[in-house]
Amino acid sequence: MQIYLTARSSSFLLLDERTGSTVPRSELLRSLWGYEAGAFTRTVDTHVASLRQKLEGNPGRPELILTVPGVGYNSWD
């Protein structure tokens, strides 16, 4: 099965090459969308939901892209 990802989605996945470490939402917003610190937006959450639909067997119970409440996102170990 082939999965097609946008350049931004690929960058999102590559940003967390530090497997097991959490990437703060603020870093994702700055690195991928150019938003300044403190910006409130659902952009990251919407993007993660879209990636989960493409990559996860059960997006409602993610195993690959994990949410760290109040911090950001963590990739699989």
PDB file of N, CA and C in Angstrom:
ATOM      1  N   MET A   1       0.842  -1.175   0.000  1.00  0.00           N
ATOM      2  CA  MET A   1       0.000   0.000   0.000  1.00  0.00           C
ATOM      3  C   MET A   1       0.893   1.246   0.000  1.00  0.00           C
ATOM      4  N   GLN A   2       0.597   2.175  -0.870  1.00  0.00           N
ATOM      5  CA  GLN A   2       1.338   3.427  -0.934  1.00  0.00           C
ATOM      6  C   GLN A   2       0.560   4.514  -0.206  1.00  0.00           C
ATOM      7  N   ILE A   3       1.302   5.343   0.511  1.00  0.00           N
ATOM      8  CA  ILE A   3       0.718   6.479   1.209  1.00  0.00           C
ATOM      9  C   ILE A   3       1.381   7.728   0.663  1.00  0.00           C
ATOM     10  N   TYR A   4       0.582   8.661   0.215  1.00  0.00           N
ATOM     11  CA  TYR A   4       1.104   9.907  -0.334  1.00  0.00           C
ATOM     12  C   TYR A   4       1.059  10.989   0.733  1.00  0.00           C
ATOM     13  N   LEU A   5       2.195  11.617   0.957  1.00  0.00           N
ATOM     14  CA  LEU A   5       2.294  12.683   1.946  1.00  0.00           C
ATOM     15  C   LEU A   5       2.722  13.977   1.269  1.00  0.00           C
ATOM     16  N   THR A   6       2.222  15.070   1.793  1.00  0.00           N
ATOM     17  CA  THR A   6       2.655  16.376   1.306  1.00  0.00           C
ATOM     18  C   THR A   6       4.070  16.642   1.822  1.00  0.00           C
ATOM     19  N   ALA A   7       4.705  17.651   1.274  1.00  0.00           N
ATOM     20  CA  ALA A   7       6.050  18.027   1.733  1.00  0.00           C
ATOM     21  C   ALA A   7       6.017  18.409   3.207  1.00  0.00           C
ATOM     22  N   ARG A   8       4.969  19.105   3.630  1.00  0.00           N
ATOM     23  CA  ARG A   8       4.859  19.517   5.027  1.00  0.00           C
ATOM     24  C   ARG A   8       4.674  18.294   5.934  1.00  0.00           C
ATOM     25  N   SER A   9       3.887  17.337   5.502  1.00  0.00           N
ATOM     26  CA  SER A   9       3.699  16.121   6.294  1.00  0.00           C
ATOM     27  C   SER A   9       5.006  15.361   6.447  1.00  0.00           C
ATOM     28  N   SER A  10       5.755  15.282   5.372  1.00  0.00           N
ATOM     29  CA  SER A  10       7.062  14.615   5.430  1.00  0.00           C
ATOM     30  C   SER A  10       7.989  15.360   6.382  1.00  0.00           C
ATOM     31  N   SER A  11       7.976  16.679   6.307  1.00  0.00           N
ATOM     32  CA  SER A  11       8.811  17.490   7.207  1.00  0.00           C
ATOM     33  C   SER A  11       8.393  17.296   8.651  1.00  0.00           C
ATOM     34  N   PHE A  12       7.104  17.198   8.884  1.00  0.00           N
ATOM     35  CA  PHE A  12       6.591  16.971  10.231  1.00  0.00           C
ATOM     36  C   PHE A  12       7.161  15.677  10.795  1.00  0.00           C
ATOM     37  N   LEU A  13       7.119  14.636  10.008  1.00  0.00           N
ATOM     38  CA  LEU A  13       7.616  13.333  10.465  1.00  0.00           C
ATOM     39  C   LEU A  13       9.134  13.348  10.647  1.00  0.00           C
ATOM     40  N   LEU A  14       9.844  14.048   9.788  1.00  0.00           N
ATOM     41  CA  LEU A  14      11.297  14.116   9.893  1.00  0.00           C
ATOM     42  C   LEU A  14      11.756  14.999  11.037  1.00  0.00           C
ATOM     43  N   LEU A  15      10.915  15.957  11.431  1.00  0.00           N
ATOM     44  CA  LEU A  15      11.288  16.865  12.511  1.00  0.00           C
ATOM     45  C   LEU A  15      11.541  16.103  13.801  1.00  0.00           C
ATOM     46  N   ASP A  16      10.830  15.009  13.975  1.00  0.00           N
ATOM     47  CA  ASP A  16      11.005  14.231  15.193  1.00  0.00           C
ATOM     48  C   ASP A  16      11.879  13.017  14.935  1.00  0.00           C
ATOM     49  N   GLU A  17      13.057  13.244  14.405  1.00  0.00           N
ATOM     50  CA  GLU A  17      14.008  12.147  14.219  1.00  0.00           C
ATOM     51  C   GLU A  17      14.513  11.656  15.562  1.00  0.00           C
ATOM     52  N   ARG A  18      14.314  12.463  16.574  1.00  0.00           N
ATOM     53  CA  ARG A  18      14.725  12.089  17.935  1.00  0.00           C
ATOM     54  C   ARG A  18      13.652  11.171  18.520  1.00  0.00           C
ATOM     55  N   THR A  19      13.572   9.980  18.032  1.00  0.00           N
ATOM     56  CA  THR A  19      12.546   9.035  18.437  1.00  0.00           C
ATOM     57  C   THR A  19      12.425   8.978  19.950  1.00  0.00           C
ATOM     58  N   GLY A  20      11.194   9.114  20.401  1.00  0.00           N
ATOM     59  CA  GLY A  20      10.925   9.045  21.824  1.00  0.00           C
ATOM     60  C   GLY A  20      10.946  10.387  22.518  1.00  0.00           C
ATOM     61  N   SER A  21      11.344  11.459  21.825  1.00  0.00           N
ATOM     62  CA  SER A  21      11.328  12.763  22.471  1.00  0.00           C
ATOM     63  C   SER A  21      10.142  13.576  21.960  1.00  0.00           C
ATOM     64  N   THR A  22       9.649  14.421  22.821  1.00  0.00           N
ATOM     65  CA  THR A  22       8.475  15.222  22.507  1.00  0.00           C
ATOM     66  C   THR A  22       8.876  16.498  21.781  1.00  0.00           C
ATOM     67  N   VAL A  23       8.152  16.803  20.717  1.00  0.00           N
ATOM     68  CA  VAL A  23       8.356  18.049  19.985  1.00  0.00           C
ATOM     69  C   VAL A  23       7.239  18.995  20.408  1.00  0.00           C
ATOM     70  N   PRO A  24       7.591  20.121  21.018  1.00  0.00           N
ATOM     71  CA  PRO A  24       6.567  21.073  21.458  1.00  0.00           C
ATOM     72  C   PRO A  24       5.767  21.639  20.277  1.00  0.00           C
ATOM     73  N   ARG A  25       4.478  21.914  20.522  1.00  0.00           N
ATOM     74  CA  ARG A  25       3.615  22.511  19.496  1.00  0.00           C
ATOM     75  C   ARG A  25       4.240  23.797  18.973  1.00  0.00           C
ATOM     76  N   SER A  26       4.823  24.600  19.881  1.00  0.00           N
ATOM     77  CA  SER A  26       5.403  25.884  19.473  1.00  0.00           C
ATOM     78  C   SER A  26       6.531  25.682  18.460  1.00  0.00           C
ATOM     79  N   GLU A  27       7.319  24.625  18.634  1.00  0.00           N
ATOM     80  CA  GLU A  27       8.400  24.337  17.690  1.00  0.00           C
ATOM     81  C   GLU A  27       7.841  23.907  16.342  1.00  0.00           C
ATOM     82  N   LEU A  28       6.797  23.103  16.357  1.00  0.00           N
ATOM     83  CA  LEU A  28       6.159  22.688  15.110  1.00  0.00           C
ATOM     84  C   LEU A  28       5.585  23.893  14.373  1.00  0.00           C
ATOM     85  N   LEU A  29       4.890  24.768  15.108  1.00  0.00           N
ATOM     86  CA  LEU A  29       4.305  25.956  14.491  1.00  0.00           C
ATOM     87  C   LEU A  29       5.377  26.857  13.884  1.00  0.00           C
ATOM     88  N   ARG A  30       6.473  27.036  14.590  1.00  0.00           N
ATOM     89  CA  ARG A  30       7.551  27.896  14.107  1.00  0.00           C
ATOM     90  C   ARG A  30       8.272  27.260  12.921  1.00  0.00           C
ATOM     91  N   SER A  31       8.627  25.997  13.052  1.00  0.00           N
ATOM     92  CA  SER A  31       9.436  25.326  12.029  1.00  0.00           C
ATOM     93  C   SER A  31       8.676  25.049  10.733  1.00  0.00           C
ATOM     94  N   LEU A  32       7.418  24.647  10.855  1.00  0.00           N
ATOM     95  CA  LEU A  32       6.679  24.218   9.668  1.00  0.00           C
ATOM     96  C   LEU A  32       5.752  25.272   9.086  1.00  0.00           C
ATOM     97  N   TRP A  33       5.242  26.176   9.938  1.00  0.00           N
ATOM     98  CA  TRP A  33       4.278  27.165   9.459  1.00  0.00           C
ATOM     99  C   TRP A  33       4.758  28.607   9.611  1.00  0.00           C
ATOM    100  N   GLY A  34       5.864  28.818  10.326  1.00  0.00           N
ATOM    101  CA  GLY A  34       6.392  30.157  10.491  1.00  0.00           C
ATOM    102  C   GLY A  34       5.671  31.014  11.508  1.00  0.00           C
ATOM    103  N   TYR A  35       4.852  30.405  12.360  1.00  0.00           N
ATOM    104  CA  TYR A  35       4.145  31.157  13.398  1.00  0.00           C
ATOM    105  C   TYR A  35       5.096  31.512  14.529  1.00  0.00           C
ATOM    106  N   GLU A  36       4.854  32.646  15.146  1.00  0.00           N
ATOM    107  CA  GLU A  36       5.637  33.073  16.299  1.00  0.00           C
ATOM    108  C   GLU A  36       5.171  32.348  17.554  1.00  0.00           C
ATOM    109  N   ALA A  37       6.040  32.323  18.559  1.00  0.00           N
ATOM    110  CA  ALA A  37       5.697  31.700  19.846  1.00  0.00           C
ATOM    111  C   ALA A  37       4.467  32.375  20.421  1.00  0.00           C
ATOM    112  N   GLY A  38       3.623  31.591  21.047  1.00  0.00           N
ATOM    113  CA  GLY A  38       2.425  32.121  21.682  1.00  0.00           C
ATOM    114  C   GLY A  38       1.219  32.166  20.765  1.00  0.00           C
ATOM    115  N   ALA A  39       1.384  31.843  19.507  1.00  0.00           N
ATOM    116  CA  ALA A  39       0.247  31.850  18.581  1.00  0.00           C
ATOM    117  C   ALA A  39      -0.697  30.712  18.952  1.00  0.00           C
ATOM    118  N   PHE A  40      -1.976  31.024  19.007  1.00  0.00           N
ATOM    119  CA  PHE A  40      -2.957  29.974  19.281  1.00  0.00           C
ATOM    120  C   PHE A  40      -3.633  29.599  17.973  1.00  0.00           C
ATOM    121  N   THR A  41      -3.475  28.375  17.611  1.00  0.00           N
ATOM    122  CA  THR A  41      -4.083  27.885  16.378  1.00  0.00           C
ATOM    123  C   THR A  41      -4.263  26.379  16.485  1.00  0.00           C
ATOM    124  N   ARG A  42      -5.212  25.871  15.758  1.00  0.00           N
ATOM    125  CA  ARG A  42      -5.454  24.424  15.723  1.00  0.00           C
ATOM    126  C   ARG A  42      -4.752  23.790  14.519  1.00  0.00           C
ATOM    127  N   THR A  43      -3.877  24.525  13.871  1.00  0.00           N
ATOM    128  CA  THR A  43      -3.190  24.045  12.677  1.00  0.00           C
ATOM    129  C   THR A  43      -2.463  22.731  12.923  1.00  0.00           C
ATOM    130  N   VAL A  44      -1.689  22.662  13.994  1.00  0.00           N
ATOM    131  CA  VAL A  44      -0.922  21.443  14.285  1.00  0.00           C
ATOM    132  C   VAL A  44      -1.874  20.285  14.561  1.00  0.00           C
ATOM    133  N   ASP A  45      -2.900  20.531  15.359  1.00  0.00           N
ATOM    134  CA  ASP A  45      -3.849  19.463  15.704  1.00  0.00           C
ATOM    135  C   ASP A  45      -4.552  18.923  14.468  1.00  0.00           C
ATOM    136  N   THR A  46      -4.942  19.814  13.578  1.00  0.00           N
ATOM    137  CA  THR A  46      -5.605  19.403  12.344  1.00  0.00           C
ATOM    138  C   THR A  46      -4.655  18.597  11.467  1.00  0.00           C
ATOM    139  N   HIS A  47      -3.420  19.030  11.394  1.00  0.00           N
ATOM    140  CA  HIS A  47      -2.418  18.327  10.592  1.00  0.00           C
ATOM    141  C   HIS A  47      -2.142  16.930  11.168  1.00  0.00           C
ATOM    142  N   VAL A  48      -2.025  16.836  12.478  1.00  0.00           N
ATOM    143  CA  VAL A  48      -1.792  15.542  13.120  1.00  0.00           C
ATOM    144  C   VAL A  48      -2.979  14.609  12.874  1.00  0.00           C
ATOM    145  N   ALA A  49      -4.195  15.138  12.977  1.00  0.00           N
ATOM    146  CA  ALA A  49      -5.382  14.314  12.721  1.00  0.00           C
ATOM    147  C   ALA A  49      -5.359  13.759  11.298  1.00  0.00           C
ATOM    148  N   SER A  50      -4.955  14.586  10.344  1.00  0.00           N
ATOM    149  CA  SER A  50      -4.871  14.143   8.955  1.00  0.00           C
ATOM    150  C   SER A  50      -3.801  13.060   8.785  1.00  0.00           C
ATOM    151  N   LEU A  51      -2.639  13.257   9.409  1.00  0.00           N
ATOM    152  CA  LEU A  51      -1.575  12.246   9.346  1.00  0.00           C
ATOM    153  C   LEU A  51      -2.024  10.933   9.983  1.00  0.00           C
ATOM    154  N   ARG A  52      -2.709  11.038  11.097  1.00  0.00           N
ATOM    155  CA  ARG A  52      -3.190   9.819  11.762  1.00  0.00           C
ATOM    156  C   ARG A  52      -4.163   9.057  10.872  1.00  0.00           C
ATOM    157  N   GLN A  53      -5.018   9.776  10.141  1.00  0.00           N
ATOM    158  CA  GLN A  53      -5.948   9.116   9.220  1.00  0.00           C
ATOM    159  C   GLN A  53      -5.191   8.322   8.157  1.00  0.00           C
ATOM    160  N   LYS A  54      -4.052   8.845   7.739  1.00  0.00           N
ATOM    161  CA  LYS A  54      -3.264   8.190   6.694  1.00  0.00           C
ATOM    162  C   LYS A  54      -2.384   7.060   7.222  1.00  0.00           C
ATOM    163  N   LEU A  55      -1.866   7.210   8.443  1.00  0.00           N
ATOM    164  CA  LEU A  55      -0.823   6.306   8.928  1.00  0.00           C
ATOM    165  C   LEU A  55      -1.253   5.291   9.983  1.00  0.00           C
ATOM    166  N   GLU A  56      -2.233   5.649  10.772  1.00  0.00           N
ATOM    167  CA  GLU A  56      -2.615   4.795  11.899  1.00  0.00           C
ATOM    168  C   GLU A  56      -3.659   3.760  11.484  1.00  0.00           C
ATOM    169  N   GLY A  57      -3.547   2.562  12.023  1.00  0.00           N
ATOM    170  CA  GLY A  57      -4.561   1.540  11.799  1.00  0.00           C
ATOM    171  C   GLY A  57      -5.884   1.940  12.427  1.00  0.00           C
ATOM    172  N   ASN A  58      -5.825   2.555  13.609  1.00  0.00           N
ATOM    173  CA  ASN A  58      -6.996   3.057  14.316  1.00  0.00           C
ATOM    174  C   ASN A  58      -6.666   4.472  14.797  1.00  0.00           C
ATOM    175  N   PRO A  59      -7.000   5.486  13.999  1.00  0.00           N
ATOM    176  CA  PRO A  59      -6.630   6.861  14.347  1.00  0.00           C
ATOM    177  C   PRO A  59      -7.155   7.329  15.703  1.00  0.00           C
ATOM    178  N   GLY A  60      -8.220   6.724  16.175  1.00  0.00           N
ATOM    179  CA  GLY A  60      -8.770   7.088  17.476  1.00  0.00           C
ATOM    180  C   GLY A  60      -7.927   6.580  18.639  1.00  0.00           C
ATOM    181  N   ARG A  61      -7.074   5.616  18.370  1.00  0.00           N
ATOM    182  CA  ARG A  61      -6.158   5.065  19.367  1.00  0.00           C
ATOM    183  C   ARG A  61      -4.757   5.040  18.751  1.00  0.00           C
ATOM    184  N   PRO A  62      -4.157   6.203  18.589  1.00  0.00           N
ATOM    185  CA  PRO A  62      -2.879   6.298  17.875  1.00  0.00           C
ATOM    186  C   PRO A  62      -1.734   5.567  18.571  1.00  0.00           C
ATOM    187  N   GLU A  63      -0.887   4.991  17.758  1.00  0.00           N
ATOM    188  CA  GLU A  63       0.309   4.309  18.252  1.00  0.00           C
ATOM    189  C   GLU A  63       1.585   4.904  17.654  1.00  0.00           C
ATOM    190  N   LEU A  64       1.449   5.674  16.589  1.00  0.00           N
ATOM    191  CA  LEU A  64       2.620   6.220  15.899  1.00  0.00           C
ATOM    192  C   LEU A  64       2.896   7.678  16.255  1.00  0.00           C
ATOM    193  N   ILE A  65       1.857   8.496  16.260  1.00  0.00           N
ATOM    194  CA  ILE A  65       2.000   9.912  16.606  1.00  0.00           C
ATOM    195  C   ILE A  65       1.184  10.118  17.875  1.00  0.00           C
ATOM    196  N   LEU A  66       1.886  10.301  18.970  1.00  0.00           N
ATOM    197  CA  LEU A  66       1.235  10.385  20.273  1.00  0.00           C
ATOM    198  C   LEU A  66       1.149  11.821  20.766  1.00  0.00           C
ATOM    199  N   THR A  67       0.037  12.154  21.401  1.00  0.00           N
ATOM    200  CA  THR A  67      -0.146  13.480  21.983  1.00  0.00           C
ATOM    201  C   THR A  67       0.406  13.484  23.392  1.00  0.00           C
ATOM    202  N   VAL A  68       1.169  14.511  23.714  1.00  0.00           N
ATOM    203  CA  VAL A  68       1.640  14.750  25.072  1.00  0.00           C
ATOM    204  C   VAL A  68       0.874  15.997  25.528  1.00  0.00           C
ATOM    205  N   PRO A  69      -0.206  15.799  26.304  1.00  0.00           N
ATOM    206  CA  PRO A  69      -1.085  16.913  26.668  1.00  0.00           C
ATOM    207  C   PRO A  69      -0.328  18.108  27.250  1.00  0.00           C
ATOM    208  N   GLY A  70      -0.662  19.273  26.718  1.00  0.00           N
ATOM    209  CA  GLY A  70      -0.061  20.508  27.194  1.00  0.00           C
ATOM    210  C   GLY A  70       1.350  20.773  26.700  1.00  0.00           C
ATOM    211  N   VAL A  71       1.908  19.833  25.908  1.00  0.00           N
ATOM    212  CA  VAL A  71       3.289  19.986  25.438  1.00  0.00           C
ATOM    213  C   VAL A  71       3.366  19.939  23.922  1.00  0.00           C
ATOM    214  N   GLY A  72       3.076  18.797  23.341  1.00  0.00           N
ATOM    215  CA  GLY A  72       3.217  18.640  21.898  1.00  0.00           C
ATOM    216  C   GLY A  72       2.954  17.221  21.458  1.00  0.00           C
ATOM    217  N   TYR A  73       3.819  16.718  20.605  1.00  0.00           N
ATOM    218  CA  TYR A  73       3.638  15.386  20.030  1.00  0.00           C
ATOM    219  C   TYR A  73       4.918  14.589  20.122  1.00  0.00           C
ATOM    220  N   ASN A  74       4.731  13.291  20.213  1.00  0.00           N
ATOM    221  CA  ASN A  74       5.829  12.356  20.376  1.00  0.00           C
ATOM    222  C   ASN A  74       5.620  11.258  19.320  1.00  0.00           C
ATOM    223  N   SER A  75       6.705  10.792  18.754  1.00  0.00           N
ATOM    224  CA  SER A  75       6.600   9.708  17.779  1.00  0.00           C
ATOM    225  C   SER A  75       6.759   8.361  18.476  1.00  0.00           C
ATOM    226  N   TRP A  76       6.568   7.340  17.689  1.00  0.00           N
ATOM    227  CA  TRP A  76       6.686   5.982  18.198  1.00  0.00           C
ATOM    228  C   TRP A  76       8.075   5.739  18.753  1.00  0.00           C
ATOM    229  N   ASP A  77       8.152   4.816  19.692  1.00  0.00           N
ATOM    230  CA  ASP A  77       9.453   4.426  20.283  1.00  0.00           C
ATOM    231  C   ASP A  77      10.065   3.306  19.481  1.00  0.00           C
TER     232      ASP A  77
END
